[in-house]
């Protein structure tokens, strides 16, 4: 009788643990989907802000890069993966935002457009970090030996990291920042 109780308790404990792992995988996959949607929304906002800046400053290269990036966003919303084509288009937009032509035009541009681009670029960096963190969590859990052995992740492909050059454009128009605490007033 004692052996039967121990075996039943052991089976229930193993089943509970496996169920918990499977539900954790599902929650993490849902988190990846949510962060992916947020990333695409921020990429769209950055492309729209860049297009607005390009129009106000007459920057054709920036407008082309923004349109190319914007064209890929519909595909990103429809497909399950963030692919290299989208990464290339976003990298081209990032390079265009940091180009010397844009830096020269920033002084003539409407401050609202410049602020919108800078804010959107910062939000893209955060959204990409959230997405890549969620992808790392899924890949880490799905890579465990027990999860692979029992096939808890099913046939779902592992999500991919989205690696782009999302360094924000450097603006020279801000107030100078002190280099050390010795230069700060009151220090």
N, C-alpha and C. Protein backbone atom coordinates (compact mmCIF):
# COMPACT_ATOMS: atom_id res chain seq x y z
N UNK A 1 0.82 -1.19 0.00
CA UNK A 1 0.00 0.00 0.00
C UNK A 1 0.86 1.26 0.00
N UNK A 2 1.92 1.28 0.81
CA UNK A 2 2.80 2.43 0.90
C UNK A 2 3.51 2.69 -0.42
N UNK A 3 3.90 1.63 -1.10
CA UNK A 3 4.58 1.77 -2.39
C UNK A 3 3.64 2.39 -3.41
N UNK A 4 2.39 2.00 -3.41
CA UNK A 4 1.41 2.55 -4.34
C UNK A 4 1.21 4.05 -4.08
N UNK A 5 1.12 4.43 -2.84
CA UNK A 5 0.94 5.84 -2.49
C UNK A 5 2.15 6.65 -2.93
N UNK A 6 3.34 6.12 -2.70
CA UNK A 6 4.57 6.82 -3.10
C UNK A 6 4.62 6.96 -4.61
N UNK A 7 4.27 5.92 -5.35
CA UNK A 7 4.29 5.97 -6.82
C UNK A 7 3.25 6.97 -7.32
N UNK A 8 2.08 6.99 -6.74
CA UNK A 8 1.03 7.93 -7.16
C UNK A 8 1.48 9.36 -6.88
N UNK A 9 2.03 9.60 -5.71
CA UNK A 9 2.52 10.94 -5.36
C UNK A 9 3.63 11.36 -6.33
N UNK A 10 4.52 10.45 -6.63
CA UNK A 10 5.61 10.75 -7.56
C UNK A 10 5.09 11.06 -8.96
N UNK A 11 4.14 10.29 -9.44
CA UNK A 11 3.56 10.53 -10.77
C UNK A 11 2.83 11.87 -10.79
N UNK A 12 2.08 12.17 -9.74
CA UNK A 12 1.36 13.45 -9.67
C UNK A 12 2.36 14.61 -9.63
N UNK A 13 3.44 14.46 -8.89
CA UNK A 13 4.44 15.53 -8.81
C UNK A 13 5.12 15.75 -10.16
N UNK A 14 5.46 14.68 -10.85
CA UNK A 14 6.09 14.81 -12.17
C UNK A 14 5.11 15.42 -13.17
N UNK A 15 3.88 14.97 -13.15
CA UNK A 15 2.87 15.52 -14.06
C UNK A 15 2.62 17.00 -13.78
N UNK A 16 2.59 17.36 -12.51
CA UNK A 16 2.39 18.77 -12.14
C UNK A 16 3.56 19.61 -12.63
N UNK A 17 4.78 19.13 -12.46
CA UNK A 17 5.96 19.87 -12.92
C UNK A 17 5.97 20.03 -14.43
N UNK A 18 5.64 18.96 -15.15
CA UNK A 18 5.62 19.03 -16.62
C UNK A 18 4.52 19.98 -17.10
N UNK A 19 3.37 19.95 -16.43
CA UNK A 19 2.29 20.87 -16.79
C UNK A 19 2.71 22.31 -16.53
N UNK A 20 3.39 22.54 -15.42
CA UNK A 20 3.89 23.89 -15.11
C UNK A 20 4.89 24.35 -16.16
N UNK A 21 5.80 23.47 -16.58
CA UNK A 21 6.77 23.83 -17.62
C UNK A 21 6.07 24.16 -18.93
N UNK A 22 5.09 23.36 -19.31
CA UNK A 22 4.37 23.60 -20.57
C UNK A 22 3.61 24.92 -20.52
N UNK A 23 2.98 25.20 -19.39
CA UNK A 23 2.24 26.48 -19.29
C UNK A 23 3.21 27.65 -19.26
N UNK A 24 4.37 27.48 -18.64
CA UNK A 24 5.38 28.55 -18.65
C UNK A 24 5.87 28.81 -20.07
N UNK A 25 6.09 27.76 -20.83
CA UNK A 25 6.48 27.94 -22.23
C UNK A 25 5.41 28.71 -23.00
N UNK A 26 4.15 28.38 -22.78
CA UNK A 26 3.06 29.09 -23.46
C UNK A 26 3.02 30.56 -23.05
N UNK A 27 3.17 30.83 -21.76
CA UNK A 27 3.17 32.23 -21.30
C UNK A 27 4.34 33.00 -21.90
N UNK A 28 5.50 32.37 -21.95
CA UNK A 28 6.66 33.05 -22.53
C UNK A 28 6.48 33.28 -24.03
N UNK A 29 5.86 32.31 -24.71
CA UNK A 29 5.60 32.49 -26.14
C UNK A 29 4.61 33.64 -26.36
N UNK A 30 3.61 33.74 -25.49
CA UNK A 30 2.68 34.86 -25.59
C UNK A 30 3.38 36.19 -25.31
N UNK A 31 4.33 36.17 -24.37
CA UNK A 31 5.10 37.38 -24.09
C UNK A 31 5.95 37.78 -25.30
N UNK A 32 6.53 36.81 -25.98
CA UNK A 32 7.30 37.11 -27.20
C UNK A 32 6.40 37.73 -28.25
N UNK A 33 5.19 37.18 -28.41
CA UNK A 33 4.25 37.75 -29.39
C UNK A 33 3.88 39.19 -29.03
N UNK A 34 3.66 39.44 -27.76
CA UNK A 34 3.29 40.79 -27.33
C UNK A 34 4.45 41.77 -27.51
N UNK A 35 5.65 41.34 -27.15
CA UNK A 35 6.80 42.25 -27.31
C UNK A 35 7.13 42.45 -28.78
N UNK A 36 6.87 41.45 -29.59
CA UNK A 36 7.08 41.59 -31.04
C UNK A 36 6.12 42.61 -31.62
N UNK A 37 4.86 42.55 -31.20
CA UNK A 37 3.88 43.53 -31.67
C UNK A 37 4.26 44.94 -31.20
N UNK A 38 4.73 45.05 -29.96
CA UNK A 38 5.18 46.34 -29.47
C UNK A 38 6.39 46.85 -30.22
N UNK A 39 7.30 45.96 -30.56
CA UNK A 39 8.48 46.35 -31.33
C UNK A 39 8.09 46.85 -32.71
N UNK A 40 7.18 46.14 -33.36
CA UNK A 40 6.74 46.58 -34.69
C UNK A 40 6.04 47.93 -34.60
N UNK A 41 5.25 48.14 -33.56
CA UNK A 41 4.58 49.44 -33.38
C UNK A 41 5.61 50.56 -33.20
N UNK A 42 6.66 50.31 -32.43
CA UNK A 42 7.68 51.34 -32.23
C UNK A 42 8.51 51.56 -33.49
N UNK A 43 8.77 50.49 -34.25
CA UNK A 43 9.48 50.65 -35.52
C UNK A 43 8.65 51.49 -36.49
N UNK A 44 7.35 51.26 -36.49
CA UNK A 44 6.44 52.04 -37.34
C UNK A 44 6.43 53.50 -36.93
N UNK A 45 6.38 53.75 -35.62
CA UNK A 45 6.39 55.14 -35.14
C UNK A 45 7.69 55.83 -35.51
N UNK A 46 8.81 55.12 -35.43
CA UNK A 46 10.10 55.71 -35.80
C UNK A 46 10.15 56.02 -37.28
N UNK A 47 9.65 55.11 -38.11
CA UNK A 47 9.65 55.35 -39.55
C UNK A 47 8.75 56.53 -39.90
N UNK A 48 7.60 56.64 -39.24
CA UNK A 48 6.70 57.77 -39.49
C UNK A 48 7.33 59.10 -39.06
N UNK A 49 8.01 59.10 -37.91
CA UNK A 49 8.68 60.31 -37.45
C UNK A 49 9.82 60.69 -38.38
N UNK A 50 10.55 59.70 -38.86
CA UNK A 50 11.64 59.97 -39.81
C UNK A 50 11.10 60.51 -41.13
N UNK A 51 9.98 59.96 -41.57
CA UNK A 51 9.37 60.44 -42.81
C UNK A 51 8.91 61.89 -42.65
N UNK A 52 8.36 62.22 -41.50
CA UNK A 52 7.93 63.59 -41.23
C UNK A 52 9.13 64.54 -41.20
N UNK A 53 10.21 64.13 -40.57
CA UNK A 53 11.43 64.94 -40.55
C UNK A 53 12.00 65.10 -41.95
N UNK A 54 11.97 64.04 -42.73
CA UNK A 54 12.49 64.10 -44.10
C UNK A 54 11.67 65.08 -44.94
N UNK A 55 10.36 65.08 -44.75
CA UNK A 55 9.52 66.02 -45.50
C UNK A 55 9.79 67.46 -45.10
N UNK A 56 9.93 67.70 -43.80
CA UNK A 56 10.11 69.08 -43.34
C UNK A 56 11.49 69.62 -43.69
N UNK A 57 12.47 68.75 -43.88
CA UNK A 57 13.83 69.21 -44.20
C UNK A 57 14.23 68.95 -45.65
N UNK A 58 13.39 68.28 -46.40
CA UNK A 58 13.71 67.97 -47.78
C UNK A 58 14.85 66.97 -47.93
N UNK A 59 14.87 65.94 -47.10
CA UNK A 59 15.93 64.92 -47.13
C UNK A 59 15.42 63.69 -47.87
N UNK A 60 15.83 63.56 -49.12
CA UNK A 60 15.33 62.47 -49.94
C UNK A 60 15.84 61.11 -49.48
N UNK A 61 17.12 61.02 -49.09
CA UNK A 61 17.67 59.73 -48.65
C UNK A 61 16.96 59.22 -47.40
N UNK A 62 16.68 60.11 -46.49
CA UNK A 62 15.97 59.73 -45.27
C UNK A 62 14.53 59.31 -45.60
N UNK A 63 13.90 60.02 -46.52
CA UNK A 63 12.53 59.67 -46.92
C UNK A 63 12.49 58.28 -47.55
N UNK A 64 13.47 57.97 -48.38
CA UNK A 64 13.52 56.66 -49.04
C UNK A 64 13.73 55.55 -47.99
N UNK A 65 14.66 55.79 -47.06
CA UNK A 65 14.92 54.79 -46.02
C UNK A 65 13.68 54.59 -45.14
N UNK A 66 12.98 55.68 -44.82
CA UNK A 66 11.78 55.57 -44.00
C UNK A 66 10.67 54.82 -44.74
N UNK A 67 10.51 55.09 -46.02
CA UNK A 67 9.48 54.39 -46.80
C UNK A 67 9.80 52.90 -46.93
N UNK A 68 11.09 52.59 -47.12
CA UNK A 68 11.50 51.19 -47.24
C UNK A 68 11.23 50.45 -45.92
N UNK A 69 11.56 51.09 -44.80
CA UNK A 69 11.30 50.47 -43.50
C UNK A 69 9.80 50.32 -43.27
N UNK A 70 9.04 51.35 -43.61
CA UNK A 70 7.58 51.34 -43.41
C UNK A 70 6.92 50.26 -44.25
N UNK A 71 7.44 50.03 -45.44
CA UNK A 71 6.86 49.00 -46.32
C UNK A 71 7.01 47.61 -45.72
N UNK A 72 8.08 47.39 -44.98
CA UNK A 72 8.29 46.07 -44.38
C UNK A 72 7.48 45.81 -43.13
N UNK A 73 6.87 46.86 -42.56
CA UNK A 73 6.13 46.68 -41.31
C UNK A 73 4.84 45.89 -41.50
N UNK A 74 4.21 46.04 -42.64
CA UNK A 74 2.99 45.25 -42.89
C UNK A 74 3.33 43.76 -42.94
N UNK A 75 4.48 43.45 -43.53
CA UNK A 75 4.93 42.06 -43.58
C UNK A 75 5.26 41.56 -42.19
N UNK A 76 5.87 42.42 -41.38
CA UNK A 76 6.22 42.02 -40.02
C UNK A 76 4.97 41.72 -39.20
N UNK A 77 3.91 42.48 -39.41
CA UNK A 77 2.67 42.24 -38.68
C UNK A 77 2.00 40.94 -39.10
N UNK A 78 2.15 40.57 -40.38
CA UNK A 78 1.47 39.39 -40.89
C UNK A 78 2.26 38.10 -40.64
N UNK A 79 3.58 38.17 -40.66
CA UNK A 79 4.40 36.97 -40.54
C UNK A 79 4.74 36.66 -39.09
N UNK A 80 5.20 35.44 -38.87
CA UNK A 80 5.52 35.03 -37.50
C UNK A 80 6.98 35.33 -37.13
N UNK A 81 7.80 35.69 -38.11
CA UNK A 81 9.21 35.90 -37.79
C UNK A 81 9.66 37.29 -38.20
N UNK A 82 10.62 37.77 -37.46
CA UNK A 82 11.31 39.01 -37.82
C UNK A 82 12.53 38.58 -38.61
N UNK A 83 12.58 38.92 -39.88
CA UNK A 83 13.62 38.36 -40.73
C UNK A 83 14.73 39.35 -41.03
N UNK A 84 15.73 38.87 -41.79
CA UNK A 84 16.90 39.69 -42.12
C UNK A 84 16.54 40.86 -43.02
N UNK A 85 15.52 40.73 -43.84
CA UNK A 85 15.11 41.84 -44.70
C UNK A 85 14.62 43.01 -43.86
N UNK A 86 13.84 42.72 -42.85
CA UNK A 86 13.37 43.78 -41.95
C UNK A 86 14.54 44.39 -41.20
N UNK A 87 15.47 43.56 -40.76
CA UNK A 87 16.65 44.08 -40.06
C UNK A 87 17.46 45.00 -40.96
N UNK A 88 17.62 44.61 -42.23
CA UNK A 88 18.38 45.44 -43.17
C UNK A 88 17.70 46.79 -43.39
N UNK A 89 16.38 46.77 -43.55
CA UNK A 89 15.65 48.02 -43.76
C UNK A 89 15.73 48.93 -42.53
N UNK A 90 15.63 48.35 -41.35
CA UNK A 90 15.73 49.16 -40.13
C UNK A 90 17.15 49.68 -39.92
N UNK A 91 18.15 48.88 -40.27
CA UNK A 91 19.53 49.35 -40.17
C UNK A 91 19.79 50.50 -41.14
N UNK A 92 19.22 50.42 -42.33
CA UNK A 92 19.37 51.51 -43.30
C UNK A 92 18.72 52.79 -42.76
N UNK A 93 17.57 52.66 -42.12
CA UNK A 93 16.91 53.83 -41.53
C UNK A 93 17.76 54.40 -40.39
N UNK A 94 18.33 53.54 -39.57
CA UNK A 94 19.18 54.01 -38.47
C UNK A 94 20.39 54.77 -39.01
N UNK A 95 21.01 54.22 -40.06
CA UNK A 95 22.16 54.91 -40.67
C UNK A 95 21.75 56.23 -41.29
N UNK A 96 20.58 56.25 -41.91
CA UNK A 96 20.10 57.49 -42.52
C UNK A 96 19.82 58.55 -41.46
N UNK A 97 19.31 58.13 -40.30
CA UNK A 97 19.04 59.09 -39.23
C UNK A 97 20.32 59.67 -38.64
N UNK A 98 21.42 58.93 -38.73
CA UNK A 98 22.70 59.42 -38.20
C UNK A 98 23.59 60.02 -39.28
N UNK A 99 23.09 60.16 -40.51
CA UNK A 99 23.93 60.67 -41.60
C UNK A 99 24.26 62.14 -41.40
N UNK A 100 25.36 62.59 -41.99
CA UNK A 100 25.74 64.01 -41.88
C UNK A 100 24.68 64.95 -42.46
N UNK A 101 23.99 64.52 -43.50
CA UNK A 101 22.96 65.38 -44.10
C UNK A 101 21.84 65.65 -43.10
N UNK A 102 21.47 64.63 -42.35
CA UNK A 102 20.42 64.81 -41.35
C UNK A 102 20.94 65.68 -40.21
N UNK A 103 22.19 65.49 -39.82
CA UNK A 103 22.76 66.30 -38.74
C UNK A 103 22.79 67.77 -39.13
N UNK A 104 23.11 68.07 -40.40
CA UNK A 104 23.11 69.46 -40.86
C UNK A 104 21.71 70.03 -40.92
N UNK A 105 20.76 69.20 -41.32
CA UNK A 105 19.39 69.67 -41.48
C UNK A 105 18.66 69.83 -40.16
N UNK A 106 19.17 69.20 -39.12
CA UNK A 106 18.49 69.26 -37.82
C UNK A 106 18.39 70.69 -37.32
N UNK A 107 19.41 71.49 -37.58
CA UNK A 107 19.37 72.88 -37.14
C UNK A 107 18.26 73.67 -37.80
N UNK A 108 17.90 73.29 -39.03
CA UNK A 108 16.84 74.00 -39.75
C UNK A 108 15.47 73.38 -39.51
N UNK A 109 15.43 72.18 -39.00
CA UNK A 109 14.17 71.45 -38.89
C UNK A 109 13.32 71.99 -37.74
N UNK A 110 12.09 71.62 -37.82
CA UNK A 110 11.16 71.94 -36.73
C UNK A 110 11.58 71.12 -35.51
N UNK A 111 11.71 71.75 -34.36
CA UNK A 111 12.14 71.01 -33.17
C UNK A 111 11.20 69.87 -32.81
N UNK A 112 9.93 70.01 -33.13
CA UNK A 112 8.99 68.94 -32.83
C UNK A 112 9.30 67.67 -33.61
N UNK A 113 9.68 67.81 -34.88
CA UNK A 113 10.03 66.64 -35.69
C UNK A 113 11.30 65.97 -35.17
N UNK A 114 12.28 66.78 -34.80
CA UNK A 114 13.53 66.23 -34.28
C UNK A 114 13.28 65.49 -32.96
N UNK A 115 12.49 66.10 -32.09
CA UNK A 115 12.17 65.46 -30.82
C UNK A 115 11.40 64.16 -31.05
N UNK A 116 10.49 64.16 -32.00
CA UNK A 116 9.71 62.95 -32.29
C UNK A 116 10.61 61.81 -32.77
N UNK A 117 11.58 62.14 -33.62
CA UNK A 117 12.51 61.11 -34.11
C UNK A 117 13.36 60.58 -32.97
N UNK A 118 13.89 61.48 -32.15
CA UNK A 118 14.74 61.05 -31.05
C UNK A 118 13.97 60.19 -30.04
N UNK A 119 12.75 60.61 -29.72
CA UNK A 119 11.93 59.84 -28.78
C UNK A 119 11.57 58.47 -29.36
N UNK A 120 11.24 58.45 -30.64
CA UNK A 120 10.90 57.17 -31.28
C UNK A 120 12.11 56.25 -31.33
N UNK A 121 13.28 56.80 -31.59
CA UNK A 121 14.50 55.97 -31.61
C UNK A 121 14.78 55.38 -30.24
N UNK A 122 14.57 56.15 -29.19
CA UNK A 122 14.77 55.63 -27.83
C UNK A 122 13.76 54.53 -27.51
N UNK A 123 12.50 54.71 -27.94
CA UNK A 123 11.49 53.68 -27.68
C UNK A 123 11.77 52.41 -28.48
N UNK A 124 12.34 52.54 -29.68
CA UNK A 124 12.70 51.35 -30.46
C UNK A 124 13.78 50.56 -29.73
N UNK A 125 14.76 51.25 -29.18
CA UNK A 125 15.83 50.55 -28.46
C UNK A 125 15.26 49.78 -27.26
N UNK A 126 14.34 50.40 -26.53
CA UNK A 126 13.72 49.72 -25.39
C UNK A 126 12.86 48.54 -25.84
N UNK A 127 12.06 48.73 -26.87
CA UNK A 127 11.19 47.66 -27.35
C UNK A 127 12.01 46.49 -27.87
N UNK A 128 13.11 46.77 -28.55
CA UNK A 128 13.98 45.70 -29.05
C UNK A 128 14.59 44.94 -27.88
N UNK A 129 14.99 45.66 -26.84
CA UNK A 129 15.58 45.00 -25.67
C UNK A 129 14.54 44.10 -24.98
N UNK A 130 13.31 44.60 -24.82
CA UNK A 130 12.25 43.78 -24.23
C UNK A 130 11.99 42.52 -25.07
N UNK A 131 11.94 42.70 -26.39
CA UNK A 131 11.69 41.57 -27.28
C UNK A 131 12.82 40.55 -27.16
N UNK A 132 14.06 41.00 -27.24
CA UNK A 132 15.18 40.08 -27.18
C UNK A 132 15.29 39.39 -25.83
N UNK A 133 14.91 40.08 -24.76
CA UNK A 133 14.88 39.43 -23.44
C UNK A 133 13.84 38.31 -23.40
N UNK A 134 12.66 38.57 -23.96
CA UNK A 134 11.61 37.56 -24.00
C UNK A 134 12.04 36.37 -24.86
N UNK A 135 12.68 36.65 -25.98
CA UNK A 135 13.17 35.57 -26.86
C UNK A 135 14.21 34.74 -26.11
N UNK A 136 15.10 35.40 -25.40
CA UNK A 136 16.11 34.68 -24.64
C UNK A 136 15.50 33.77 -23.58
N UNK A 137 14.44 34.25 -22.93
CA UNK A 137 13.77 33.42 -21.92
C UNK A 137 13.15 32.17 -22.54
N UNK A 138 12.49 32.34 -23.70
CA UNK A 138 11.88 31.18 -24.37
C UNK A 138 12.96 30.20 -24.81
N UNK A 139 14.00 30.72 -25.43
CA UNK A 139 15.07 29.85 -25.93
C UNK A 139 15.77 29.12 -24.78
N UNK A 140 15.92 29.79 -23.66
CA UNK A 140 16.56 29.16 -22.51
C UNK A 140 15.71 28.01 -21.97
N UNK A 141 14.42 28.26 -21.81
CA UNK A 141 13.54 27.21 -21.28
C UNK A 141 13.36 26.08 -22.30
N UNK A 142 13.20 26.42 -23.56
CA UNK A 142 13.01 25.39 -24.58
C UNK A 142 14.28 24.57 -24.80
N UNK A 143 15.42 25.11 -24.43
CA UNK A 143 16.67 24.38 -24.60
C UNK A 143 16.99 23.42 -23.47
N UNK A 144 16.19 23.40 -22.43
CA UNK A 144 16.43 22.47 -21.34
C UNK A 144 16.26 21.04 -21.83
N UNK A 145 17.06 20.16 -21.26
CA UNK A 145 17.06 18.76 -21.69
C UNK A 145 15.69 18.11 -21.48
N UNK A 146 15.05 18.34 -20.35
CA UNK A 146 13.75 17.72 -20.07
C UNK A 146 12.68 18.24 -21.03
N UNK A 147 12.70 19.52 -21.33
CA UNK A 147 11.71 20.11 -22.24
C UNK A 147 11.87 19.52 -23.64
N UNK A 148 13.11 19.34 -24.07
CA UNK A 148 13.35 18.73 -25.39
C UNK A 148 12.99 17.26 -25.39
N UNK A 149 13.31 16.55 -24.31
CA UNK A 149 13.04 15.12 -24.23
C UNK A 149 11.54 14.82 -24.29
N UNK A 150 10.74 15.62 -23.59
CA UNK A 150 9.30 15.39 -23.54
C UNK A 150 8.57 16.15 -24.65
N UNK A 151 9.29 16.93 -25.43
CA UNK A 151 8.72 17.73 -26.54
C UNK A 151 7.64 18.69 -26.04
N UNK A 152 7.93 19.39 -24.96
CA UNK A 152 6.94 20.31 -24.40
C UNK A 152 6.72 21.53 -25.27
N UNK A 153 7.71 21.90 -26.06
CA UNK A 153 7.52 23.07 -26.92
C UNK A 153 6.82 22.72 -28.22
N UNK A 154 6.54 21.45 -28.42
CA UNK A 154 5.80 21.02 -29.61
C UNK A 154 6.57 21.30 -30.89
N UNK A 155 5.86 21.68 -31.92
CA UNK A 155 6.48 21.95 -33.22
C UNK A 155 6.73 23.43 -33.43
N UNK A 156 6.46 24.21 -32.41
CA UNK A 156 6.65 25.66 -32.50
C UNK A 156 8.12 25.97 -32.73
N UNK A 157 8.45 26.74 -33.76
CA UNK A 157 9.87 27.10 -33.96
C UNK A 157 10.32 28.08 -32.88
N UNK A 158 11.60 28.02 -32.59
CA UNK A 158 12.15 28.95 -31.60
C UNK A 158 12.11 30.36 -32.17
N UNK A 159 11.73 31.33 -31.37
CA UNK A 159 11.72 32.71 -31.86
C UNK A 159 13.16 33.20 -32.07
N UNK A 160 13.29 34.17 -32.96
CA UNK A 160 14.62 34.70 -33.30
C UNK A 160 14.81 36.07 -32.66
N UNK A 161 16.05 36.35 -32.34
CA UNK A 161 16.40 37.68 -31.85
C UNK A 161 16.26 38.68 -32.99
N UNK A 162 15.99 39.92 -32.66
CA UNK A 162 15.92 40.99 -33.67
C UNK A 162 17.08 41.93 -33.39
N UNK A 163 18.12 41.80 -34.20
CA UNK A 163 19.34 42.58 -33.99
C UNK A 163 19.43 43.68 -35.03
N UNK A 164 19.29 44.91 -34.57
CA UNK A 164 19.46 46.05 -35.45
C UNK A 164 20.36 47.07 -34.78
N UNK A 165 20.86 47.97 -35.58
CA UNK A 165 21.65 49.08 -35.09
C UNK A 165 20.66 50.15 -34.67
N UNK A 166 20.40 50.21 -33.37
CA UNK A 166 19.39 51.16 -32.89
C UNK A 166 19.99 52.26 -32.03
N UNK A 167 21.27 52.55 -32.26
CA UNK A 167 21.90 53.64 -31.52
C UNK A 167 21.20 54.95 -31.90
N UNK A 168 20.85 55.75 -30.93
CA UNK A 168 20.12 56.98 -31.25
C UNK A 168 21.02 57.99 -31.96
N UNK A 169 20.42 58.85 -32.77
CA UNK A 169 21.21 59.89 -33.42
C UNK A 169 21.80 60.84 -32.38
N UNK A 170 23.02 61.28 -32.61
CA UNK A 170 23.67 62.20 -31.69
C UNK A 170 23.32 63.61 -32.12
N UNK A 171 22.81 64.40 -31.21
CA UNK A 171 22.43 65.78 -31.48
C UNK A 171 23.39 66.70 -30.76
N UNK A 172 23.89 67.69 -31.46
CA UNK A 172 24.83 68.65 -30.89
C UNK A 172 24.13 69.88 -30.32
N UNK A 173 22.79 69.94 -30.45
CA UNK A 173 22.08 71.15 -30.06
C UNK A 173 21.67 71.18 -28.59
N UNK A 174 21.98 70.14 -27.84
CA UNK A 174 21.59 70.11 -26.44
C UNK A 174 22.55 70.91 -25.58
N UNK A 175 22.19 71.15 -24.32
CA UNK A 175 23.08 71.88 -23.43
C UNK A 175 24.33 71.05 -23.14
N UNK A 176 25.47 71.70 -22.95
CA UNK A 176 26.69 70.93 -22.66
C UNK A 176 26.56 70.24 -21.31
N UNK A 177 27.10 69.05 -21.26
CA UNK A 177 27.05 68.27 -20.03
C UNK A 177 28.42 68.29 -19.38
N UNK A 178 28.47 68.43 -18.07
CA UNK A 178 29.77 68.44 -17.40
C UNK A 178 30.42 67.07 -17.49
N UNK A 179 31.75 67.07 -17.62
CA UNK A 179 32.51 65.83 -17.76
C UNK A 179 32.69 65.13 -16.41
N UNK A 180 32.85 65.90 -15.35
CA UNK A 180 33.07 65.27 -14.04
C UNK A 180 32.32 66.06 -12.98
N UNK A 181 32.31 65.52 -11.78
CA UNK A 181 31.60 66.18 -10.70
C UNK A 181 32.32 67.45 -10.25
N UNK A 182 33.62 67.59 -10.58
CA UNK A 182 34.36 68.79 -10.21
C UNK A 182 33.86 70.00 -10.99
N UNK A 183 33.29 69.78 -12.17
CA UNK A 183 32.79 70.87 -12.99
C UNK A 183 31.37 71.26 -12.64
N UNK A 184 30.71 70.45 -11.84
CA UNK A 184 29.31 70.72 -11.52
C UNK A 184 29.24 71.80 -10.45
N UNK A 185 28.31 72.74 -10.59
CA UNK A 185 28.18 73.76 -9.56
C UNK A 185 27.75 73.15 -8.24
N UNK A 186 28.31 73.64 -7.19
CA UNK A 186 27.95 73.18 -5.86
C UNK A 186 28.67 71.91 -5.45
N UNK A 187 29.56 71.40 -6.30
CA UNK A 187 30.27 70.15 -5.95
C UNK A 187 31.56 70.46 -5.25
